[in-house]
Amino acid sequence: TLSAVDEALTMALNAASVPIQSVRAAVFSMGGADWPEDFAYIQDAMQTRLGCPLWVVNDAIGALRVGSPDGTGISVVCGTGTATGARNANGELWHSSFWQETHGSHQLAEKMLSAVYRADLEIAPPTALTQAALDFYAMPDVTELLHLFTARVTPPPAHRGRLARVLLDIAEQGDPAACAIVREHGTDLGAYALAAARKVRLTAMQPIPLVLTGSVLRHSTHLLADALIKRVRAELPHVQPTFSTHQPVIGALLLALDHLEIASTDAIQAR
């Protein structure tokens, strides 16, 4: 909600000891900024609050700027949720938004639980995911695990996405079922990255930054990222993967500096 955005803005200004009158430009890189009317709604509300030039972009675009010095290329964010974006040298933008099936940690957890249920029914081979899931939820067997998520009288566990880290841990150990889930997930993410590239006409003949970020992609196993990169390189062989070490919010800061035509290195030195 905009009240939460306004609260975050106030906290950021207070933490930096910067009066609101000193803000020269602002960029809001946000989930929920999907359609033109979203951009207009957020911009109008924040313009009244700040009174300075400001721009609104989808959160995938802020993530892209963090890992791409000139802001061009492709970004893939995979954490609690997902976002994919792209920008070409002419400034044309595209973000996946509602086009993309959800590919965040919650969906990885669902795929893990499905593999556990299938293995228990002997539809699929046994997997180390079973014991890992039972241990995570302190359940004695798979029947009780399934009941935990589907019982009429109690709500299912919250924060199911935390199970994604367990899945990635087991995949890192080489469990076939876990590896298959993670590789399939990475391949799907790569397909959306290619779609983003096509939307802004990034071609196979040019080097293209591919910025990867989000808590899932920061896990120590590279199985998911490797599958993602392999899928992209099948059509864009010159893609240059970069694992972002900064939160996407830094991208919003860099985009604001870009609009003011201030080099980020100059701003850091001035600070």
C-alpha atoms as a PDB file:
ATOM      1  CA  THR A   1       0.000   0.000   0.000  1.00  0.00           C
ATOM      2  CA  LEU A   2       1.073   3.584  -0.478  1.00  0.00           C
ATOM      3  CA  SER A   3       1.006   4.150   3.272  1.00  0.00           C
ATOM      4  CA  ALA A   4       3.751   1.529   3.615  1.00  0.00           C
ATOM      5  CA  VAL A   5       5.734   3.214   0.825  1.00  0.00           C
ATOM      6  CA  ASP A   6       5.337   6.565   2.529  1.00  0.00           C
ATOM      7  CA  GLU A   7       6.484   5.083   5.835  1.00  0.00           C
ATOM      8  CA  ALA A   8       9.542   3.532   4.173  1.00  0.00           C
ATOM      9  CA  LEU A   9      10.350   6.862   2.545  1.00  0.00           C
ATOM     10  CA  THR A  10      10.157   8.688   5.861  1.00  0.00           C
ATOM     11  CA  MET A  11      12.351   6.101   7.580  1.00  0.00           C
ATOM     12  CA  ALA A  12      14.962   6.275   4.800  1.00  0.00           C
ATOM     13  CA  LEU A  13      15.155  10.057   4.935  1.00  0.00           C
ATOM     14  CA  ASN A  14      15.394  10.038   8.726  1.00  0.00           C
ATOM     15  CA  ALA A  15      18.097   7.358   8.691  1.00  0.00           C
ATOM     16  CA  ALA A  16      20.134   9.417   6.214  1.00  0.00           C
ATOM     17  CA  SER A  17      19.436  12.691   8.080  1.00  0.00           C
ATOM     18  CA  VAL A  18      18.270  14.221   4.808  1.00  0.00           C
ATOM     19  CA  PRO A  19      15.415  16.742   4.789  1.00  0.00           C
ATOM     20  CA  ILE A  20      12.782  16.023   2.210  1.00  0.00           C
ATOM     21  CA  GLN A  21      13.386  19.405   0.598  1.00  0.00           C
ATOM     22  CA  SER A  22      16.909  18.286  -0.358  1.00  0.00           C
ATOM     23  CA  VAL A  23      15.781  15.360  -2.521  1.00  0.00           C
ATOM     24  CA  ARG A  24      16.549  16.215  -6.156  1.00  0.00           C
ATOM     25  CA  ALA A  25      15.250  13.046  -7.819  1.00  0.00           C
ATOM     26  CA  ALA A  26      13.652   9.760  -6.816  1.00  0.00           C
ATOM     27  CA  VAL A  27      13.081   6.378  -8.400  1.00  0.00           C
ATOM     28  CA  PHE A  28      10.633   3.825  -7.041  1.00  0.00           C
ATOM     29  CA  SER A  29      11.417   0.292  -8.217  1.00  0.00           C
ATOM     30  CA  MET A  30       8.448  -1.673  -6.967  1.00  0.00           C
ATOM     31  CA  GLY A  31       6.490  -4.848  -7.090  1.00  0.00           C
ATOM     32  CA  GLY A  32       2.947  -3.888  -7.979  1.00  0.00           C
ATOM     33  CA  ALA A  33       4.169  -1.372 -10.551  1.00  0.00           C
ATOM     34  CA  ASP A  34       2.955  -3.387 -13.507  1.00  0.00           C
ATOM     35  CA  TRP A  35       0.654  -1.381 -15.790  1.00  0.00           C
ATOM     36  CA  PRO A  36       0.761   2.265 -16.936  1.00  0.00           C
ATOM     37  CA  GLU A  37      -2.023   3.178 -14.520  1.00  0.00           C
ATOM     38  CA  ASP A  38       0.057   1.711 -11.660  1.00  0.00           C
ATOM     39  CA  PHE A  39       2.995   3.908 -12.591  1.00  0.00           C
ATOM     40  CA  ALA A  40       0.754   6.972 -12.832  1.00  0.00           C
ATOM     41  CA  TYR A  41      -0.950   6.231  -9.501  1.00  0.00           C
ATOM     42  CA  ILE A  42       2.314   5.798  -7.599  1.00  0.00           C
ATOM     43  CA  GLN A  43       3.973   8.735  -9.337  1.00  0.00           C
ATOM     44  CA  ASP A  44       1.110  11.121  -8.593  1.00  0.00           C
ATOM     45  CA  ALA A  45       1.029  10.114  -4.939  1.00  0.00           C
ATOM     46  CA  MET A  46       4.777  10.364  -4.410  1.00  0.00           C
ATOM     47  CA  GLN A  47       5.087  13.537  -6.485  1.00  0.00           C
ATOM     48  CA  THR A  48       2.777  15.279  -4.032  1.00  0.00           C
ATOM     49  CA  ARG A  49       4.876  13.980  -1.151  1.00  0.00           C
ATOM     50  CA  LEU A  50       8.346  14.750  -2.572  1.00  0.00           C
ATOM     51  CA  GLY A  51       7.840  17.577  -5.017  1.00  0.00           C
ATOM     52  CA  CYS A  52      10.840  16.568  -7.142  1.00  0.00           C
ATOM     53  CA  PRO A  53      11.265  14.718 -10.457  1.00  0.00           C
ATOM     54  CA  LEU A  54      10.584  11.035  -9.937  1.00  0.00           C
ATOM     55  CA  TRP A  55      10.179   7.864 -11.942  1.00  0.00           C
ATOM     56  CA  VAL A  56       8.461   4.558 -11.229  1.00  0.00           C
ATOM     57  CA  VAL A  57       9.643   1.215 -12.612  1.00  0.00           C
ATOM     58  CA  ASN A  58       8.925  -2.422 -11.900  1.00  0.00           C
ATOM     59  CA  ASP A  59      11.160  -4.097  -9.322  1.00  0.00           C
ATOM     60  CA  ALA A  60      12.828  -6.198 -12.037  1.00  0.00           C
ATOM     61  CA  ILE A  61      14.289  -3.023 -13.535  1.00  0.00           C
ATOM     62  CA  GLY A  62      15.877  -1.898 -10.294  1.00  0.00           C
ATOM     63  CA  ALA A  63      17.377  -5.368  -9.958  1.00  0.00           C
ATOM     64  CA  LEU A  64      18.798  -5.091 -13.471  1.00  0.00           C
ATOM     65  CA  ARG A  65      20.506  -1.763 -12.783  1.00  0.00           C
ATOM     66  CA  VAL A  66      22.269  -3.182  -9.715  1.00  0.00           C
ATOM     67  CA  GLY A  67      24.243  -5.645 -11.824  1.00  0.00           C
ATOM     68  CA  SER A  68      24.502  -3.791 -15.132  1.00  0.00           C
ATOM     69  CA  PRO A  69      26.622  -0.627 -15.258  1.00  0.00           C
ATOM     70  CA  ASP A  70      24.644   0.868 -18.133  1.00  0.00           C
ATOM     71  CA  GLY A  71      21.284  -0.598 -17.097  1.00  0.00           C
ATOM     72  CA  THR A  72      20.917  -2.791 -20.184  1.00  0.00           C
ATOM     73  CA  GLY A  73      20.463  -6.554 -20.297  1.00  0.00           C
ATOM     74  CA  ILE A  74      18.226  -9.055 -18.533  1.00  0.00           C
ATOM     75  CA  SER A  75      17.398  -9.495 -14.865  1.00  0.00           C
ATOM     76  CA  VAL A  76      16.002 -12.547 -13.109  1.00  0.00           C
ATOM     77  CA  VAL A  77      14.903 -12.218  -9.488  1.00  0.00           C
ATOM     78  CA  CYS A  78      14.013 -15.418  -7.648  1.00  0.00           C
ATOM     79  CA  GLY A  79      13.233 -15.159  -3.967  1.00  0.00           C
ATOM     80  CA  THR A  80       9.897 -15.198  -2.192  1.00  0.00           C
ATOM     81  CA  GLY A  81       8.493 -14.149  -5.556  1.00  0.00           C
ATOM     82  CA  THR A  82       9.915 -13.761  -9.037  1.00  0.00           C
ATOM     83  CA  ALA A  83      10.477 -10.943 -11.484  1.00  0.00           C
ATOM     84  CA  THR A  84      12.098 -10.856 -14.906  1.00  0.00           C
ATOM     85  CA  GLY A  85      12.999  -7.710 -16.800  1.00  0.00           C
ATOM     86  CA  ALA A  86      15.007  -6.419 -19.737  1.00  0.00           C
ATOM     87  CA  ARG A  87      16.213  -3.128 -21.185  1.00  0.00           C
ATOM     88  CA  ASN A  88      17.995  -2.361 -24.447  1.00  0.00           C
ATOM     89  CA  ALA A  89      20.424   0.437 -25.318  1.00  0.00           C
ATOM     90  CA  ASN A  90      17.554   2.602 -26.594  1.00  0.00           C
ATOM     91  CA  GLY A  91      15.915   2.531 -23.179  1.00  0.00           C
ATOM     92  CA  GLU A  92      13.061   0.197 -24.116  1.00  0.00           C
ATOM     93  CA  LEU A  93      11.885  -1.758 -21.076  1.00  0.00           C
ATOM     94  CA  TRP A  94       9.918  -4.910 -20.474  1.00  0.00           C
ATOM     95  CA  HIS A  95       9.036  -6.712 -17.244  1.00  0.00           C
ATOM     96  CA  SER A  96       7.282 -10.047 -16.841  1.00  0.00           C
ATOM     97  CA  SER A  97       4.743  -9.013 -14.199  1.00  0.00           C
ATOM     98  CA  PHE A  98       1.490 -10.964 -14.688  1.00  0.00           C
ATOM     99  CA  TRP A  99       2.887 -12.662 -17.788  1.00  0.00           C
ATOM    100  CA  GLN A 100       5.047 -14.909 -15.634  1.00  0.00           C
ATOM    101  CA  GLU A 101       3.943 -17.995 -13.772  1.00  0.00           C
ATOM    102  CA  THR A 102       5.011 -17.728 -10.163  1.00  0.00           C
ATOM    103  CA  HIS A 103       8.451 -19.262  -9.691  1.00  0.00           C
ATOM    104  CA  GLY A 104       9.402 -18.214  -6.166  1.00  0.00           C
ATOM    105  CA  SER A 105      10.301 -20.154  -3.048  1.00  0.00           C
ATOM    106  CA  HIS A 106       6.681 -21.081  -2.344  1.00  0.00           C
ATOM    107  CA  GLN A 107       6.422 -22.895  -5.674  1.00  0.00           C
ATOM    108  CA  LEU A 108       9.696 -24.723  -5.083  1.00  0.00           C
ATOM    109  CA  ALA A 109       8.300 -25.873  -1.748  1.00  0.00           C
ATOM    110  CA  GLU A 110       5.120 -27.110  -3.456  1.00  0.00           C
ATOM    111  CA  LYS A 111       7.190 -29.087  -5.954  1.00  0.00           C
ATOM    112  CA  MET A 112       9.217 -30.621  -3.130  1.00  0.00           C
ATOM    113  CA  LEU A 113       6.103 -31.692  -1.232  1.00  0.00           C
ATOM    114  CA  SER A 114       4.619 -33.174  -4.392  1.00  0.00           C
ATOM    115  CA  ALA A 115       7.783 -35.249  -4.888  1.00  0.00           C
ATOM    116  CA  VAL A 116       7.524 -36.487  -1.290  1.00  0.00           C
ATOM    117  CA  TYR A 117       3.874 -37.528  -1.725  1.00  0.00           C
ATOM    118  CA  ARG A 118       4.582 -39.273  -5.032  1.00  0.00           C
ATOM    119  CA  ALA A 119       7.509 -41.170  -3.526  1.00  0.00           C
ATOM    120  CA  ASP A 120       5.394 -42.301  -0.583  1.00  0.00           C
ATOM    121  CA  LEU A 121       2.809 -43.695  -3.013  1.00  0.00           C
ATOM    122  CA  GLU A 122       5.624 -45.418  -4.946  1.00  0.00           C
ATOM    123  CA  ILE A 123       4.662 -43.510  -8.072  1.00  0.00           C
ATOM    124  CA  ALA A 124       8.185 -42.109  -8.017  1.00  0.00           C
ATOM    125  CA  PRO A 125      11.451 -43.517  -6.578  1.00  0.00           C
ATOM    126  CA  PRO A 126      12.392 -42.881  -2.945  1.00  0.00           C
ATOM    127  CA  THR A 127      14.019 -39.532  -2.274  1.00  0.00           C
ATOM    128  CA  ALA A 128      15.990 -37.900   0.504  1.00  0.00           C
ATOM    129  CA  LEU A 129      13.443 -35.095   0.310  1.00  0.00           C
ATOM    130  CA  THR A 130      11.057 -37.232   2.349  1.00  0.00           C
ATOM    131  CA  GLN A 131      13.107 -37.360   5.521  1.00  0.00           C
ATOM    132  CA  ALA A 132      14.146 -33.751   5.063  1.00  0.00           C
ATOM    133  CA  ALA A 133      10.510 -32.611   4.910  1.00  0.00           C
ATOM    134  CA  LEU A 134       9.535 -34.761   7.892  1.00  0.00           C
ATOM    135  CA  ASP A 135      12.397 -33.356   9.929  1.00  0.00           C
ATOM    136  CA  PHE A 136      11.593 -29.780   8.921  1.00  0.00           C
ATOM    137  CA  TYR A 137       7.990 -30.048  10.106  1.00  0.00           C
ATOM    138  CA  ALA A 138       8.658 -32.562  12.912  1.00  0.00           C
ATOM    139  CA  MET A 139       6.175 -35.061  11.451  1.00  0.00           C
ATOM    140  CA  PRO A 140       6.371 -38.841  12.056  1.00  0.00           C
ATOM    141  CA  ASP A 141       5.371 -39.891   8.532  1.00  0.00           C
ATOM    142  CA  VAL A 142       4.178 -38.597   5.168  1.00  0.00           C
ATOM    143  CA  THR A 143       0.498 -39.152   5.972  1.00  0.00           C
ATOM    144  CA  GLU A 144       0.765 -36.772   8.914  1.00  0.00           C
ATOM    145  CA  LEU A 145       2.720 -34.332   6.746  1.00  0.00           C
ATOM    146  CA  LEU A 146      -0.039 -34.293   4.128  1.00  0.00           C
ATOM    147  CA  HIS A 147      -2.660 -33.940   6.857  1.00  0.00           C
ATOM    148  CA  LEU A 148      -0.739 -30.989   8.281  1.00  0.00           C
ATOM    149  CA  PHE A 149      -1.272 -29.083   5.027  1.00  0.00           C
ATOM    150  CA  THR A 150      -4.826 -30.194   4.275  1.00  0.00           C
ATOM    151  CA  ALA A 151      -6.609 -30.661   7.598  1.00  0.00           C
ATOM    152  CA  ARG A 152     -10.025 -29.038   7.859  1.00  0.00           C
ATOM    153  CA  VAL A 153      -9.683 -27.842  11.445  1.00  0.00           C
ATOM    154  CA  THR A 154      -6.210 -26.233  11.428  1.00  0.00           C
ATOM    155  CA  PRO A 155      -4.626 -23.750   9.020  1.00  0.00           C
ATOM    156  CA  PRO A 156      -1.634 -24.978   6.990  1.00  0.00           C
ATOM    157  CA  PRO A 157       1.839 -23.881   8.096  1.00  0.00           C
ATOM    158  CA  ALA A 158       2.739 -20.317   7.215  1.00  0.00           C
ATOM    159  CA  HIS A 159       5.909 -19.375   5.366  1.00  0.00           C
ATOM    160  CA  ARG A 160       5.973 -22.560   3.322  1.00  0.00           C
ATOM    161  CA  GLY A 161       8.627 -20.989   1.115  1.00  0.00           C
ATOM    162  CA  ARG A 162      11.242 -21.672   3.788  1.00  0.00           C
ATOM    163  CA  LEU A 163      11.146 -25.274   2.637  1.00  0.00           C
ATOM    164  CA  ALA A 164      12.824 -24.168  -0.604  1.00  0.00           C
ATOM    165  CA  ARG A 165      16.156 -23.890   1.182  1.00  0.00           C
ATOM    166  CA  VAL A 166      15.789 -27.503   2.327  1.00  0.00           C
ATOM    167  CA  LEU A 167      15.136 -28.550  -1.256  1.00  0.00           C
ATOM    168  CA  LEU A 168      18.237 -26.714  -2.467  1.00  0.00           C
ATOM    169  CA  ASP A 169      20.326 -28.266   0.326  1.00  0.00           C
ATOM    170  CA  ILE A 170      19.241 -31.773  -0.709  1.00  0.00           C
ATOM    171  CA  ALA A 171      19.830 -30.982  -4.385  1.00  0.00           C
ATOM    172  CA  GLU A 172      23.341 -29.851  -3.511  1.00  0.00           C
ATOM    173  CA  GLN A 173      23.893 -33.311  -2.007  1.00  0.00           C
ATOM    174  CA  GLY A 174      22.938 -34.894  -5.343  1.00  0.00           C
ATOM    175  CA  ASP A 175      19.499 -36.389  -4.651  1.00  0.00           C
ATOM    176  CA  PRO A 176      18.030 -37.154  -8.118  1.00  0.00           C
ATOM    177  CA  ALA A 177      14.498 -35.962  -7.355  1.00  0.00           C
ATOM    178  CA  ALA A 178      15.703 -32.708  -5.817  1.00  0.00           C
ATOM    179  CA  CYS A 179      18.122 -32.080  -8.670  1.00  0.00           C
ATOM    180  CA  ALA A 180      15.386 -32.671 -11.247  1.00  0.00           C
ATOM    181  CA  ILE A 181      13.055 -30.157  -9.555  1.00  0.00           C
ATOM    182  CA  VAL A 182      15.752 -27.500  -9.294  1.00  0.00           C
ATOM    183  CA  ARG A 183      16.986 -27.928 -12.867  1.00  0.00           C
ATOM    184  CA  GLU A 184      13.445 -27.802 -14.259  1.00  0.00           C
ATOM    185  CA  HIS A 185      12.768 -24.667 -12.243  1.00  0.00           C
ATOM    186  CA  GLY A 186      15.948 -23.023 -13.524  1.00  0.00           C
ATOM    187  CA  THR A 187      15.119 -23.943 -17.113  1.00  0.00           C
ATOM    188  CA  ASP A 188      11.684 -22.341 -16.765  1.00  0.00           C
ATOM    189  CA  LEU A 189      13.237 -19.158 -15.389  1.00  0.00           C
ATOM    190  CA  GLY A 190      15.621 -19.148 -18.337  1.00  0.00           C
ATOM    191  CA  ALA A 191      12.702 -19.352 -20.750  1.00  0.00           C
ATOM    192  CA  TYR A 192      11.211 -16.181 -19.267  1.00  0.00           C
ATOM    193  CA  ALA A 193      14.598 -14.476 -19.436  1.00  0.00           C
ATOM    194  CA  LEU A 194      14.692 -15.248 -23.172  1.00  0.00           C
ATOM    195  CA  ALA A 195      11.158 -13.911 -23.572  1.00  0.00           C
ATOM    196  CA  ALA A 196      12.270 -10.664 -21.930  1.00  0.00           C
ATOM    197  CA  ALA A 197      15.224 -10.426 -24.317  1.00  0.00           C
ATOM    198  CA  ARG A 198      12.949 -10.888 -27.319  1.00  0.00           C
ATOM    199  CA  LYS A 199      10.546  -8.215 -26.104  1.00  0.00           C
ATOM    200  CA  VAL A 200      13.273  -5.552 -26.238  1.00  0.00           C
ATOM    201  CA  ARG A 201      15.105  -7.066 -29.222  1.00  0.00           C
ATOM    202  CA  LEU A 202      18.341  -8.096 -27.547  1.00  0.00           C
ATOM    203  CA  THR A 203      20.149 -10.224 -30.121  1.00  0.00           C
ATOM    204  CA  ALA A 204      22.383 -13.271 -30.061  1.00  0.00           C
ATOM    205  CA  MET A 205      25.221 -11.314 -31.641  1.00  0.00           C
ATOM    206  CA  GLN A 206      25.783  -8.917 -28.728  1.00  0.00           C
ATOM    207  CA  PRO A 207      27.153  -9.363 -25.189  1.00  0.00           C
ATOM    208  CA  ILE A 208      24.183  -9.189 -22.812  1.00  0.00           C
ATOM    209  CA  PRO A 209      24.385  -8.829 -19.025  1.00  0.00           C
ATOM    210  CA  LEU A 210      22.232 -11.382 -17.212  1.00  0.00           C
ATOM    211  CA  VAL A 211      21.742 -10.199 -13.639  1.00  0.00           C
ATOM    212  CA  LEU A 212      20.717 -12.926 -11.196  1.00  0.00           C
ATOM    213  CA  THR A 213      19.496 -12.047  -7.729  1.00  0.00           C
ATOM    214  CA  GLY A 214      17.086 -13.046  -4.976  1.00  0.00           C
ATOM    215  CA  SER A 215      17.420 -15.321  -1.960  1.00  0.00           C
ATOM    216  CA  VAL A 216      16.866 -18.544  -3.931  1.00  0.00           C
ATOM    217  CA  LEU A 217      19.579 -17.676  -6.437  1.00  0.00           C
ATOM    218  CA  ARG A 218      21.938 -16.736  -3.609  1.00  0.00           C
ATOM    219  CA  HIS A 219      21.892 -20.287  -2.221  1.00  0.00           C
ATOM    220  CA  SER A 220      25.272 -22.013  -2.305  1.00  0.00           C
ATOM    221  CA  THR A 221      24.174 -24.578  -4.884  1.00  0.00           C
ATOM    222  CA  HIS A 222      24.449 -23.361  -8.475  1.00  0.00           C
ATOM    223  CA  LEU A 223      22.217 -26.050  -9.953  1.00  0.00           C
ATOM    224  CA  LEU A 224      19.316 -23.673 -10.467  1.00  0.00           C
ATOM    225  CA  ALA A 225      21.446 -20.861 -11.867  1.00  0.00           C
ATOM    226  CA  ASP A 226      23.367 -23.265 -14.098  1.00  0.00           C
ATOM    227  CA  ALA A 227      20.124 -24.567 -15.612  1.00  0.00           C
ATOM    228  CA  LEU A 228      18.862 -21.020 -16.096  1.00  0.00           C
ATOM    229  CA  ILE A 229      22.080 -19.893 -17.784  1.00  0.00           C
ATOM    230  CA  LYS A 230      22.223 -23.005 -19.975  1.00  0.00           C
ATOM    231  CA  ARG A 231      18.709 -22.317 -21.255  1.00  0.00           C
ATOM    232  CA  VAL A 232      19.525 -18.689 -22.037  1.00  0.00           C
ATOM    233  CA  ARG A 233      22.849 -19.492 -23.699  1.00  0.00           C
ATOM    234  CA  ALA A 234      21.143 -21.934 -26.042  1.00  0.00           C
ATOM    235  CA  GLU A 235      19.758 -18.859 -27.842  1.00  0.00           C
ATOM    236  CA  LEU A 236      21.966 -16.034 -26.578  1.00  0.00           C
ATOM    237  CA  PRO A 237      25.490 -17.510 -26.498  1.00  0.00           C
ATOM    238  CA  HIS A 238      27.167 -14.223 -25.529  1.00  0.00           C
ATOM    239  CA  VAL A 239      25.130 -13.660 -22.376  1.00  0.00           C
ATOM    240  CA  GLN A 240      27.252 -12.599 -19.406  1.00  0.00           C
ATOM    241  CA  PRO A 241      25.840 -13.830 -16.055  1.00  0.00           C
ATOM    242  CA  THR A 242      26.366 -11.701 -12.965  1.00  0.00           C
ATOM    243  CA  PHE A 243      25.308 -12.640  -9.453  1.00  0.00           C
ATOM    244  CA  SER A 244      24.259  -9.407  -7.809  1.00  0.00           C
ATOM    245  CA  THR A 245      25.707  -8.840  -4.348  1.00  0.00           C
ATOM    246  CA  HIS A 246      23.397  -5.906  -3.568  1.00  0.00           C
ATOM    247  CA  GLN A 247      19.701  -5.665  -2.839  1.00  0.00           C
ATOM    248  CA  PRO A 248      17.573  -4.414  -5.764  1.00  0.00           C
ATOM    249  CA  VAL A 249      16.788  -1.215  -3.819  1.00  0.00           C
ATOM    250  CA  ILE A 250      20.318  -0.080  -4.665  1.00  0.00           C
ATOM    251  CA  GLY A 251      19.244  -0.193  -8.295  1.00  0.00           C
ATOM    252  CA  ALA A 252      16.622   2.468  -7.597  1.00  0.00           C
ATOM    253  CA  LEU A 253      19.341   4.724  -6.183  1.00  0.00           C
ATOM    254  CA  LEU A 254      21.539   4.159  -9.243  1.00  0.00           C
ATOM    255  CA  LEU A 255      18.632   4.867 -11.590  1.00  0.00           C
ATOM    256  CA  ALA A 256      17.991   8.174  -9.792  1.00  0.00           C
ATOM    257  CA  LEU A 257      21.654   9.093 -10.221  1.00  0.00           C
ATOM    258  CA  ASP A 258      21.365   8.170 -13.895  1.00  0.00           C
ATOM    259  CA  HIS A 259      18.447  10.561 -14.313  1.00  0.00           C
ATOM    260  CA  LEU A 260      20.518  13.320 -12.696  1.00  0.00           C
ATOM    261  CA  GLU A 261      23.454  12.371 -14.947  1.00  0.00           C
ATOM    262  CA  ILE A 262      25.635  11.800 -11.904  1.00  0.00           C
ATOM    263  CA  ALA A 263      28.045   8.868 -12.141  1.00  0.00           C
ATOM    264  CA  SER A 264      27.623   6.485  -9.224  1.00  0.00           C
ATOM    265  CA  THR A 265      31.371   6.571  -8.571  1.00  0.00           C
ATOM    266  CA  ASP A 266      31.225  10.386  -8.299  1.00  0.00           C
ATOM    267  CA  ALA A 267      28.362  10.144  -5.816  1.00  0.00           C
ATOM    268  CA  ILE A 268      30.243   7.637  -3.679  1.00  0.00           C
ATOM    269  CA  GLN A 269      33.370   9.835  -3.659  1.00  0.00           C
ATOM    270  CA  ALA A 270      31.305  12.884  -2.789  1.00  0.00           C
ATOM    271  CA  ARG A 271      29.733  11.018   0.098  1.00  0.00           C
END
